[in-house]
Amino acid sequence: MTAVSLICSETLSRVSSVLNRDIKQFGKKYMFDGNEETCWNSDQGSIQWLMLEFPQTVKISQIQIQFQGGFGSQKCALQGGRKGEELFHVAEFFPEDNNSLQSFLLQETILDKLKINFENSTDFFGRIIVYRFSVLGEKF
């Protein structure tokens, strides 16, 4: 089966922070809108994170992410879980500090919620800027 984007309008998302709490300009929704001009921009501090809760159980197989160079994460730690259960370790991956869309293949994991911790920000103040974020896999 071909992997499809698992983030849809019913997917709940939360982030650790938004720059100056300005969600109109830098809110989390801009990671998923497909517009290359918009982005989520975290406030300063570490560790920044993104949490997704899918409307149904999914099997993830790939993460795609596009940072702004200089505001990326050198290490990303994924955690996942089923509804009502504790999060467990899924994977770690190590993005490059550039502006390109990067893809990371994962061991297929079945879950309902996914958390990505952006560790080791390349920005001195710990800010993260994400233009595109996608989770690929299969829906059940």
C-alpha atoms as a PDB file:
ATOM      1  CA  MET A   1       0.000   0.000   0.000  1.00  0.00           C
ATOM      2  CA  THR A   2       1.231   3.490  -0.811  1.00  0.00           C
ATOM      3  CA  ALA A   3       1.977   5.815   2.080  1.00  0.00           C
ATOM      4  CA  VAL A   4      -0.395   8.779   2.364  1.00  0.00           C
ATOM      5  CA  SER A   5      -0.330  11.931   4.454  1.00  0.00           C
ATOM      6  CA  LEU A   6      -1.886  11.151   7.832  1.00  0.00           C
ATOM      7  CA  ILE A   7      -2.466  14.747   8.943  1.00  0.00           C
ATOM      8  CA  CYS A   8      -6.000  15.885   8.122  1.00  0.00           C
ATOM      9  CA  SER A   9      -8.435  18.554   9.291  1.00  0.00           C
ATOM     10  CA  GLU A  10      -9.529  16.301  12.196  1.00  0.00           C
ATOM     11  CA  THR A  11      -5.957  15.802  13.447  1.00  0.00           C
ATOM     12  CA  LEU A  12      -5.465  17.650  16.735  1.00  0.00           C
ATOM     13  CA  SER A  13      -2.146  19.431  17.113  1.00  0.00           C
ATOM     14  CA  ARG A  14      -0.411  21.217  19.974  1.00  0.00           C
ATOM     15  CA  VAL A  15       2.952  22.946  20.123  1.00  0.00           C
ATOM     16  CA  SER A  16       5.218  23.946  22.981  1.00  0.00           C
ATOM     17  CA  SER A  17       5.087  27.669  22.137  1.00  0.00           C
ATOM     18  CA  VAL A  18       4.482  30.293  19.443  1.00  0.00           C
ATOM     19  CA  LEU A  19       6.741  33.320  18.957  1.00  0.00           C
ATOM     20  CA  ASN A  20       5.307  36.212  20.999  1.00  0.00           C
ATOM     21  CA  ARG A  21       2.047  34.175  21.189  1.00  0.00           C
ATOM     22  CA  ASP A  22       1.310  35.536  17.682  1.00  0.00           C
ATOM     23  CA  ILE A  23      -0.735  32.603  16.344  1.00  0.00           C
ATOM     24  CA  LYS A  24      -2.139  34.721  13.477  1.00  0.00           C
ATOM     25  CA  GLN A  25       1.352  35.068  11.976  1.00  0.00           C
ATOM     26  CA  PHE A  26       3.307  32.076  13.343  1.00  0.00           C
ATOM     27  CA  GLY A  27       0.712  29.518  14.483  1.00  0.00           C
ATOM     28  CA  LYS A  28       1.034  25.730  14.304  1.00  0.00           C
ATOM     29  CA  LYS A  29      -1.506  25.440  11.459  1.00  0.00           C
ATOM     30  CA  TYR A  30       1.045  26.922   9.058  1.00  0.00           C
ATOM     31  CA  MET A  31       3.158  23.734   9.166  1.00  0.00           C
ATOM     32  CA  PHE A  32       0.294  21.881   7.485  1.00  0.00           C
ATOM     33  CA  ASP A  33      -1.173  24.443   5.037  1.00  0.00           C
ATOM     34  CA  GLY A  34       1.060  23.640   2.038  1.00  0.00           C
ATOM     35  CA  ASN A  35       1.998  27.331   1.633  1.00  0.00           C
ATOM     36  CA  GLU A  36       5.755  27.880   1.278  1.00  0.00           C
ATOM     37  CA  GLU A  37       5.392  31.441   2.632  1.00  0.00           C
ATOM     38  CA  THR A  38       3.992  30.475   6.051  1.00  0.00           C
ATOM     39  CA  CYS A  39       5.553  28.708   9.031  1.00  0.00           C
ATOM     40  CA  TRP A  40       5.272  27.792  12.688  1.00  0.00           C
ATOM     41  CA  ASN A  41       7.782  29.792  14.678  1.00  0.00           C
ATOM     42  CA  SER A  42       8.362  28.718  18.276  1.00  0.00           C
ATOM     43  CA  ASP A  43       9.291  31.078  21.048  1.00  0.00           C
ATOM     44  CA  GLN A  44      12.739  30.723  22.610  1.00  0.00           C
ATOM     45  CA  GLY A  45      13.669  27.994  25.048  1.00  0.00           C
ATOM     46  CA  SER A  46      14.334  24.301  24.841  1.00  0.00           C
ATOM     47  CA  ILE A  47      12.945  21.755  24.259  1.00  0.00           C
ATOM     48  CA  GLN A  48      10.312  22.750  21.674  1.00  0.00           C
ATOM     49  CA  TRP A  49       7.802  20.080  20.619  1.00  0.00           C
ATOM     50  CA  LEU A  50       4.832  19.206  18.440  1.00  0.00           C
ATOM     51  CA  MET A  51       2.089  16.768  19.490  1.00  0.00           C
ATOM     52  CA  LEU A  52      -0.377  15.222  17.026  1.00  0.00           C
ATOM     53  CA  GLU A  53      -3.491  13.214  17.864  1.00  0.00           C
ATOM     54  CA  PHE A  54      -4.925  11.416  14.858  1.00  0.00           C
ATOM     55  CA  PRO A  55      -8.698  10.873  14.468  1.00  0.00           C
ATOM     56  CA  GLN A  56      -8.060   7.154  13.927  1.00  0.00           C
ATOM     57  CA  THR A  57      -5.309   4.610  14.506  1.00  0.00           C
ATOM     58  CA  VAL A  58      -2.473   4.965  11.980  1.00  0.00           C
ATOM     59  CA  LYS A  59       0.703   3.166  10.972  1.00  0.00           C
ATOM     60  CA  ILE A  60       3.468   5.725  10.461  1.00  0.00           C
ATOM     61  CA  SER A  61       6.373   5.048   8.094  1.00  0.00           C
ATOM     62  CA  GLN A  62       7.924   8.420   7.249  1.00  0.00           C
ATOM     63  CA  ILE A  63       8.337  11.980   8.538  1.00  0.00           C
ATOM     64  CA  GLN A  64       8.877  14.939   6.206  1.00  0.00           C
ATOM     65  CA  ILE A  65      10.027  18.244   7.629  1.00  0.00           C
ATOM     66  CA  GLN A  66      11.285  21.567   6.297  1.00  0.00           C
ATOM     67  CA  PHE A  67      13.013  23.919   8.728  1.00  0.00           C
ATOM     68  CA  GLN A  68      14.330  27.400   8.145  1.00  0.00           C
ATOM     69  CA  GLY A  69      18.106  27.082   8.059  1.00  0.00           C
ATOM     70  CA  GLY A  70      19.591  28.362  11.317  1.00  0.00           C
ATOM     71  CA  PHE A  71      16.347  27.561  13.166  1.00  0.00           C
ATOM     72  CA  GLY A  72      16.265  23.785  12.860  1.00  0.00           C
ATOM     73  CA  SER A  73      16.751  20.871  15.160  1.00  0.00           C
ATOM     74  CA  GLN A  74      19.909  18.780  15.038  1.00  0.00           C
ATOM     75  CA  LYS A  75      18.172  15.920  16.828  1.00  0.00           C
ATOM     76  CA  CYS A  76      14.484  14.979  16.740  1.00  0.00           C
ATOM     77  CA  ALA A  77      13.075  12.395  19.129  1.00  0.00           C
ATOM     78  CA  LEU A  78       9.745  10.772  18.254  1.00  0.00           C
ATOM     79  CA  GLN A  79       7.397   9.316  20.823  1.00  0.00           C
ATOM     80  CA  GLY A  80       4.100   7.633  20.102  1.00  0.00           C
ATOM     81  CA  GLY A  81       1.222   5.988  21.860  1.00  0.00           C
ATOM     82  CA  ARG A  82      -2.274   4.601  21.769  1.00  0.00           C
ATOM     83  CA  LYS A  83      -5.255   6.413  23.274  1.00  0.00           C
ATOM     84  CA  GLY A  84      -5.102   6.384  27.066  1.00  0.00           C
ATOM     85  CA  GLU A  85      -1.571   4.959  27.190  1.00  0.00           C
ATOM     86  CA  GLU A  86       1.836   6.417  28.021  1.00  0.00           C
ATOM     87  CA  LEU A  87       4.059   7.570  25.181  1.00  0.00           C
ATOM     88  CA  PHE A  88       6.869   5.224  24.143  1.00  0.00           C
ATOM     89  CA  HIS A  89      10.093   5.813  22.213  1.00  0.00           C
ATOM     90  CA  VAL A  90       9.600   5.454  18.436  1.00  0.00           C
ATOM     91  CA  ALA A  91      12.743   6.828  16.789  1.00  0.00           C
ATOM     92  CA  GLU A  92      15.398   9.519  16.633  1.00  0.00           C
ATOM     93  CA  PHE A  93      16.587  11.263  13.510  1.00  0.00           C
ATOM     94  CA  PHE A  94      19.137  13.942  12.778  1.00  0.00           C
ATOM     95  CA  PRO A  95      18.104  16.647  10.281  1.00  0.00           C
ATOM     96  CA  GLU A  96      20.592  18.842   8.441  1.00  0.00           C
ATOM     97  CA  ASP A  97      20.590  22.579   9.152  1.00  0.00           C
ATOM     98  CA  ASN A  98      19.215  23.820   5.835  1.00  0.00           C
ATOM     99  CA  ASN A  99      16.027  24.963   4.089  1.00  0.00           C
ATOM    100  CA  SER A 100      15.295  21.777   2.125  1.00  0.00           C
ATOM    101  CA  LEU A 101      12.404  19.373   2.646  1.00  0.00           C
ATOM    102  CA  GLN A 102      13.937  16.375   4.444  1.00  0.00           C
ATOM    103  CA  SER A 103      12.457  12.876   4.632  1.00  0.00           C
ATOM    104  CA  PHE A 104      13.131  10.273   7.320  1.00  0.00           C
ATOM    105  CA  LEU A 105      12.021   6.671   6.939  1.00  0.00           C
ATOM    106  CA  LEU A 106      10.838   5.073  10.169  1.00  0.00           C
ATOM    107  CA  GLN A 107      10.209   1.572  11.340  1.00  0.00           C
ATOM    108  CA  GLU A 108       6.466   1.194  10.833  1.00  0.00           C
ATOM    109  CA  THR A 109       4.703   1.904  14.122  1.00  0.00           C
ATOM    110  CA  ILE A 110       0.992   1.744  14.967  1.00  0.00           C
ATOM    111  CA  LEU A 111      -0.255   4.629  17.120  1.00  0.00           C
ATOM    112  CA  ASP A 112      -2.975   7.214  17.727  1.00  0.00           C
ATOM    113  CA  LYS A 113      -0.764  10.071  18.912  1.00  0.00           C
ATOM    114  CA  LEU A 114       2.722  11.252  18.017  1.00  0.00           C
ATOM    115  CA  LYS A 115       5.052  13.691  19.759  1.00  0.00           C
ATOM    116  CA  ILE A 116       8.220  15.081  18.221  1.00  0.00           C
ATOM    117  CA  ASN A 117      10.750  16.758  20.485  1.00  0.00           C
ATOM    118  CA  PHE A 118      13.023  19.231  18.720  1.00  0.00           C
ATOM    119  CA  GLU A 119      16.292  18.828  20.624  1.00  0.00           C
ATOM    120  CA  ASN A 120      19.571  20.698  20.026  1.00  0.00           C
ATOM    121  CA  SER A 121      18.167  23.716  18.177  1.00  0.00           C
ATOM    122  CA  THR A 122      20.648  25.354  15.805  1.00  0.00           C
ATOM    123  CA  ASP A 123      19.385  28.751  17.033  1.00  0.00           C
ATOM    124  CA  PHE A 124      21.246  30.168  20.042  1.00  0.00           C
ATOM    125  CA  PHE A 125      17.914  30.962  21.762  1.00  0.00           C
ATOM    126  CA  GLY A 126      16.338  27.557  21.072  1.00  0.00           C
ATOM    127  CA  ARG A 127      13.786  28.758  18.529  1.00  0.00           C
ATOM    128  CA  ILE A 128      12.475  26.351  15.874  1.00  0.00           C
ATOM    129  CA  ILE A 129      10.922  27.404  12.542  1.00  0.00           C
ATOM    130  CA  VAL A 130       9.059  24.777  10.505  1.00  0.00           C
ATOM    131  CA  TYR A 131       7.612  25.517   7.063  1.00  0.00           C
ATOM    132  CA  ARG A 132       6.314  22.025   6.306  1.00  0.00           C
ATOM    133  CA  PHE A 133       5.640  18.963   8.432  1.00  0.00           C
ATOM    134  CA  SER A 134       4.059  15.751   7.265  1.00  0.00           C
ATOM    135  CA  VAL A 135       3.590  12.240   8.629  1.00  0.00           C
ATOM    136  CA  LEU A 136       3.197   9.518   6.009  1.00  0.00           C
ATOM    137  CA  GLY A 137       1.834   6.018   6.443  1.00  0.00           C
ATOM    138  CA  GLU A 138      -1.464   4.126   6.424  1.00  0.00           C
ATOM    139  CA  LYS A 139      -4.816   4.746   8.062  1.00  0.00           C
ATOM    140  CA  PHE A 140      -6.751   1.899   9.681  1.00  0.00           C
END
